[in-house]
């Protein structure tokens, strides 16, 4: 049995490559996935769940909100939720042109 056969037999599946844009990071997609179907969260809570620094996640959330992928909710502390555009991105319904324009 060759290496490829062993990998397939072990249950590994090819990963689907999602649309990536220059300004996006791997953490951006993880943030959006974390917020999908959940209540608005603070960057601190998201950072803890993703094992990233709160400052880094706060910056990425701001960038995603500026581009319309997240919605920033104001209150005592900023909270973020997934915007309709973010849902479309996660559902692979967003073209590269639409995302690059942001």
N, C-alpha and C. Protein backbone atom coordinates (compact mmCIF):
# COMPACT_ATOMS: atom_id res chain seq x y z
N UNK A 1 0.85 -1.17 0.00
CA UNK A 1 0.00 0.00 0.00
C UNK A 1 0.90 1.23 0.00
N UNK A 2 0.67 2.13 -0.97
CA UNK A 2 1.45 3.35 -1.08
C UNK A 2 1.02 4.39 -0.06
N UNK A 3 1.78 5.46 0.03
CA UNK A 3 1.51 6.52 0.98
C UNK A 3 0.13 7.13 0.78
N UNK A 4 -0.23 7.42 -0.46
CA UNK A 4 -1.54 7.99 -0.73
C UNK A 4 -2.66 7.05 -0.29
N UNK A 5 -2.50 5.79 -0.55
CA UNK A 5 -3.51 4.81 -0.13
C UNK A 5 -3.62 4.77 1.39
N UNK A 6 -2.47 4.83 2.07
CA UNK A 6 -2.49 4.81 3.54
C UNK A 6 -3.18 6.05 4.09
N UNK A 7 -2.93 7.21 3.48
CA UNK A 7 -3.56 8.45 3.93
C UNK A 7 -5.07 8.36 3.73
N UNK A 8 -5.50 7.93 2.55
CA UNK A 8 -6.94 7.79 2.29
C UNK A 8 -7.56 6.78 3.24
N UNK A 9 -6.87 5.69 3.47
CA UNK A 9 -7.38 4.64 4.36
C UNK A 9 -7.50 5.15 5.79
N UNK A 10 -6.62 6.06 6.17
CA UNK A 10 -6.62 6.59 7.54
C UNK A 10 -7.75 7.60 7.76
N UNK A 11 -8.47 7.94 6.72
CA UNK A 11 -9.60 8.85 6.89
C UNK A 11 -9.30 10.30 6.57
N UNK A 12 -8.12 10.60 6.07
CA UNK A 12 -7.80 11.98 5.70
C UNK A 12 -8.54 12.32 4.42
N UNK A 13 -9.12 13.50 4.41
CA UNK A 13 -9.83 13.97 3.22
C UNK A 13 -9.16 15.24 2.73
N UNK A 14 -9.18 15.45 1.43
CA UNK A 14 -8.60 16.71 0.94
C UNK A 14 -9.39 17.89 1.50
N UNK A 15 -8.68 18.91 1.90
CA UNK A 15 -9.32 20.10 2.46
C UNK A 15 -9.74 21.03 1.34
N UNK A 16 -10.90 21.61 1.48
CA UNK A 16 -11.40 22.57 0.51
C UNK A 16 -10.68 23.89 0.74
N UNK A 17 -10.15 24.45 -0.31
CA UNK A 17 -9.47 25.73 -0.21
C UNK A 17 -10.49 26.83 -0.43
N UNK A 18 -10.60 27.69 0.54
CA UNK A 18 -11.55 28.80 0.47
C UNK A 18 -10.85 30.00 -0.16
N UNK A 19 -11.64 30.88 -0.72
CA UNK A 19 -11.17 32.11 -1.32
C UNK A 19 -10.30 32.88 -0.32
N UNK A 20 -9.10 33.24 -0.72
CA UNK A 20 -8.22 34.03 0.14
C UNK A 20 -7.84 35.33 -0.58
N UNK A 21 -7.78 36.38 0.18
CA UNK A 21 -7.43 37.71 -0.33
C UNK A 21 -6.18 38.18 0.41
N UNK A 22 -5.40 39.04 -0.24
CA UNK A 22 -4.12 39.50 0.31
C UNK A 22 -4.18 39.89 1.79
N UNK A 23 -5.18 40.66 2.15
CA UNK A 23 -5.24 41.20 3.51
C UNK A 23 -5.74 40.20 4.53
N UNK A 24 -6.27 39.07 4.09
CA UNK A 24 -6.83 38.08 5.04
C UNK A 24 -5.74 37.21 5.66
N UNK A 25 -6.00 36.81 6.89
CA UNK A 25 -5.11 35.88 7.57
C UNK A 25 -5.90 34.60 7.87
N UNK A 26 -5.20 33.54 8.23
CA UNK A 26 -5.88 32.30 8.60
C UNK A 26 -6.76 32.52 9.83
N UNK A 27 -6.34 33.40 10.70
CA UNK A 27 -7.11 33.68 11.91
C UNK A 27 -8.44 34.34 11.56
N UNK A 28 -8.49 35.13 10.49
CA UNK A 28 -9.73 35.78 10.09
C UNK A 28 -10.85 34.76 9.88
N UNK A 29 -10.55 33.72 9.14
CA UNK A 29 -11.56 32.70 8.89
C UNK A 29 -11.95 31.99 10.19
N UNK A 30 -10.99 31.74 11.04
CA UNK A 30 -11.29 31.09 12.32
C UNK A 30 -12.19 31.98 13.18
N UNK A 31 -11.96 33.28 13.14
CA UNK A 31 -12.81 34.23 13.89
C UNK A 31 -14.24 34.15 13.36
N UNK A 32 -14.38 34.20 12.04
CA UNK A 32 -15.72 34.15 11.45
C UNK A 32 -16.43 32.83 11.77
N UNK A 33 -15.69 31.73 11.68
CA UNK A 33 -16.29 30.43 12.02
C UNK A 33 -16.71 30.40 13.49
N UNK A 34 -15.90 30.98 14.34
CA UNK A 34 -16.20 31.01 15.78
C UNK A 34 -17.48 31.79 16.06
N UNK A 35 -17.71 32.87 15.30
CA UNK A 35 -18.88 33.72 15.52
C UNK A 35 -20.14 33.21 14.82
N UNK A 36 -19.98 32.30 13.90
CA UNK A 36 -21.14 31.80 13.15
C UNK A 36 -22.12 31.12 14.10
N UNK A 37 -23.36 31.61 14.09
CA UNK A 37 -24.41 31.00 14.90
C UNK A 37 -24.30 31.26 16.39
N UNK A 38 -23.46 32.22 16.79
CA UNK A 38 -23.33 32.50 18.22
C UNK A 38 -23.75 33.94 18.51
N UNK A 39 -23.88 34.22 19.77
CA UNK A 39 -24.16 35.59 20.21
C UNK A 39 -22.92 36.45 19.95
N UNK A 40 -23.08 37.77 19.85
CA UNK A 40 -21.91 38.64 19.70
C UNK A 40 -20.91 38.40 20.84
N UNK A 41 -19.64 38.40 20.50
CA UNK A 41 -18.58 38.12 21.47
C UNK A 41 -17.53 39.21 21.46
N UNK A 42 -16.83 39.33 22.57
CA UNK A 42 -15.71 40.27 22.67
C UNK A 42 -14.46 39.62 22.08
N UNK A 43 -13.53 40.45 21.59
CA UNK A 43 -12.27 39.89 21.10
C UNK A 43 -11.53 39.07 22.16
N UNK A 44 -11.68 39.44 23.43
CA UNK A 44 -11.01 38.70 24.50
C UNK A 44 -11.50 37.26 24.57
N UNK A 45 -12.81 37.07 24.48
CA UNK A 45 -13.38 35.72 24.52
C UNK A 45 -12.99 34.93 23.28
N UNK A 46 -13.07 35.58 22.13
CA UNK A 46 -12.69 34.92 20.88
C UNK A 46 -11.22 34.51 20.94
N UNK A 47 -10.37 35.42 21.40
CA UNK A 47 -8.93 35.15 21.49
C UNK A 47 -8.65 33.95 22.39
N UNK A 48 -9.33 33.88 23.51
CA UNK A 48 -9.13 32.76 24.42
C UNK A 48 -9.50 31.44 23.72
N UNK A 49 -10.63 31.43 23.02
CA UNK A 49 -11.08 30.23 22.33
C UNK A 49 -10.14 29.82 21.20
N UNK A 50 -9.54 30.80 20.53
CA UNK A 50 -8.64 30.53 19.40
C UNK A 50 -7.18 30.42 19.80
N UNK A 51 -6.91 30.65 21.08
CA UNK A 51 -5.54 30.63 21.61
C UNK A 51 -4.63 31.62 20.87
N UNK A 52 -5.14 32.83 20.76
CA UNK A 52 -4.41 33.95 20.17
C UNK A 52 -4.41 35.10 21.17
N UNK A 53 -3.60 36.11 20.91
CA UNK A 53 -3.58 37.25 21.83
C UNK A 53 -4.84 38.10 21.60
N UNK A 54 -5.33 38.69 22.66
CA UNK A 54 -6.52 39.53 22.58
C UNK A 54 -6.29 40.74 21.68
N UNK A 55 -5.09 41.31 21.72
CA UNK A 55 -4.77 42.47 20.90
C UNK A 55 -4.82 42.12 19.42
N UNK A 56 -4.27 40.97 19.07
CA UNK A 56 -4.25 40.53 17.67
C UNK A 56 -5.68 40.28 17.18
N UNK A 57 -6.47 39.57 17.97
CA UNK A 57 -7.84 39.26 17.58
C UNK A 57 -8.68 40.54 17.49
N UNK A 58 -8.47 41.47 18.41
CA UNK A 58 -9.20 42.75 18.35
C UNK A 58 -8.88 43.48 17.05
N UNK A 59 -7.61 43.49 16.65
CA UNK A 59 -7.21 44.13 15.40
C UNK A 59 -7.85 43.43 14.21
N UNK A 60 -7.83 42.11 14.18
CA UNK A 60 -8.42 41.36 13.07
C UNK A 60 -9.94 41.58 13.02
N UNK A 61 -10.59 41.63 14.16
CA UNK A 61 -12.03 41.88 14.19
C UNK A 61 -12.34 43.26 13.63
N UNK A 62 -11.54 44.25 13.98
CA UNK A 62 -11.73 45.61 13.44
C UNK A 62 -11.59 45.60 11.92
N UNK A 63 -10.55 44.90 11.43
CA UNK A 63 -10.33 44.83 9.98
C UNK A 63 -11.50 44.13 9.28
N UNK A 64 -11.99 43.06 9.86
CA UNK A 64 -13.13 42.34 9.27
C UNK A 64 -14.40 43.18 9.31
N UNK A 65 -14.57 43.96 10.36
CA UNK A 65 -15.74 44.84 10.46
C UNK A 65 -15.66 45.98 9.44
N UNK A 66 -14.49 46.55 9.25
CA UNK A 66 -14.29 47.60 8.26
C UNK A 66 -14.69 47.11 6.87
N UNK A 67 -14.40 45.85 6.60
CA UNK A 67 -14.69 45.27 5.28
C UNK A 67 -16.07 44.62 5.19
N UNK A 68 -16.86 44.75 6.25
CA UNK A 68 -18.24 44.29 6.20
C UNK A 68 -18.47 42.83 6.48
N UNK A 69 -17.44 42.10 6.92
CA UNK A 69 -17.58 40.67 7.20
C UNK A 69 -18.07 40.41 8.62
N UNK A 70 -17.80 41.37 9.52
CA UNK A 70 -18.30 41.31 10.89
C UNK A 70 -19.09 42.59 11.17
N UNK A 71 -19.93 42.52 12.17
CA UNK A 71 -20.67 43.69 12.64
C UNK A 71 -20.16 44.01 14.04
N UNK A 72 -19.79 45.27 14.25
CA UNK A 72 -19.30 45.71 15.56
C UNK A 72 -20.48 46.23 16.37
N UNK A 73 -20.69 45.66 17.54
CA UNK A 73 -21.77 46.08 18.44
C UNK A 73 -21.15 46.87 19.57
N UNK A 74 -21.69 48.06 19.81
CA UNK A 74 -21.14 48.89 20.87
C UNK A 74 -21.85 48.63 22.18
N UNK A 75 -21.16 48.86 23.24
CA UNK A 75 -21.68 48.69 24.58
C UNK A 75 -20.54 49.03 25.52
N UNK A 76 -20.52 48.40 26.69
CA UNK A 76 -19.40 48.60 27.60
C UNK A 76 -18.09 48.21 26.93
N UNK A 77 -18.15 47.13 26.19
CA UNK A 77 -16.99 46.62 25.46
C UNK A 77 -17.47 46.22 24.08
N UNK A 78 -16.65 46.47 23.06
CA UNK A 78 -17.04 46.09 21.71
C UNK A 78 -17.27 44.58 21.63
N UNK A 79 -18.32 44.22 20.95
CA UNK A 79 -18.63 42.82 20.66
C UNK A 79 -18.82 42.72 19.16
N UNK A 80 -18.53 41.57 18.63
CA UNK A 80 -18.63 41.36 17.19
C UNK A 80 -19.54 40.17 16.90
N UNK A 81 -20.24 40.29 15.78
CA UNK A 81 -21.03 39.18 15.28
C UNK A 81 -20.76 39.04 13.78
N UNK A 82 -21.12 37.91 13.24
CA UNK A 82 -20.89 37.65 11.82
C UNK A 82 -21.93 38.40 10.99
N UNK A 83 -21.48 39.16 10.01
CA UNK A 83 -22.37 39.91 9.11
C UNK A 83 -22.84 38.99 7.98
N UNK A 84 -23.83 39.45 7.25
CA UNK A 84 -24.33 38.67 6.11
C UNK A 84 -23.21 38.37 5.11
N UNK A 85 -22.34 39.35 4.88
CA UNK A 85 -21.22 39.15 3.96
C UNK A 85 -20.28 38.06 4.49
N UNK A 86 -20.08 38.02 5.80
CA UNK A 86 -19.26 36.97 6.40
C UNK A 86 -19.89 35.59 6.22
N UNK A 87 -21.21 35.53 6.34
CA UNK A 87 -21.93 34.27 6.10
C UNK A 87 -21.71 33.83 4.66
N UNK A 88 -21.83 34.77 3.74
CA UNK A 88 -21.63 34.44 2.32
C UNK A 88 -20.22 33.94 2.07
N UNK A 89 -19.24 34.55 2.74
CA UNK A 89 -17.85 34.10 2.61
C UNK A 89 -17.71 32.66 3.08
N UNK A 90 -18.24 32.36 4.26
CA UNK A 90 -18.13 31.01 4.80
C UNK A 90 -18.90 29.99 3.97
N UNK A 91 -19.94 30.44 3.28
CA UNK A 91 -20.73 29.54 2.43
C UNK A 91 -20.19 29.47 1.00
N UNK A 92 -19.03 30.09 0.77
CA UNK A 92 -18.40 30.12 -0.56
C UNK A 92 -19.30 30.76 -1.61
N UNK A 93 -20.05 31.77 -1.21
CA UNK A 93 -20.95 32.47 -2.13
C UNK A 93 -20.46 33.88 -2.44
N UNK A 94 -19.21 34.15 -2.17
CA UNK A 94 -18.66 35.49 -2.34
C UNK A 94 -17.55 35.43 -3.38
N UNK A 95 -17.60 36.30 -4.37
CA UNK A 95 -16.56 36.30 -5.40
C UNK A 95 -15.33 37.06 -4.91
N UNK A 96 -14.21 36.75 -5.52
CA UNK A 96 -12.96 37.44 -5.17
C UNK A 96 -13.09 38.94 -5.42
N UNK A 97 -13.76 39.31 -6.49
CA UNK A 97 -13.93 40.73 -6.81
C UNK A 97 -14.70 41.46 -5.73
N UNK A 98 -15.76 40.84 -5.22
CA UNK A 98 -16.55 41.47 -4.15
C UNK A 98 -15.71 41.69 -2.90
N UNK A 99 -14.89 40.72 -2.58
CA UNK A 99 -14.10 40.80 -1.35
C UNK A 99 -12.91 41.73 -1.52
N UNK A 100 -12.29 41.74 -2.68
CA UNK A 100 -11.13 42.61 -2.91
C UNK A 100 -11.51 44.08 -2.89
N UNK A 101 -12.73 44.39 -3.25
CA UNK A 101 -13.18 45.78 -3.28
C UNK A 101 -13.28 46.37 -1.88
N UNK A 102 -13.25 45.57 -0.88
CA UNK A 102 -13.48 46.04 0.49
C UNK A 102 -12.20 46.43 1.18
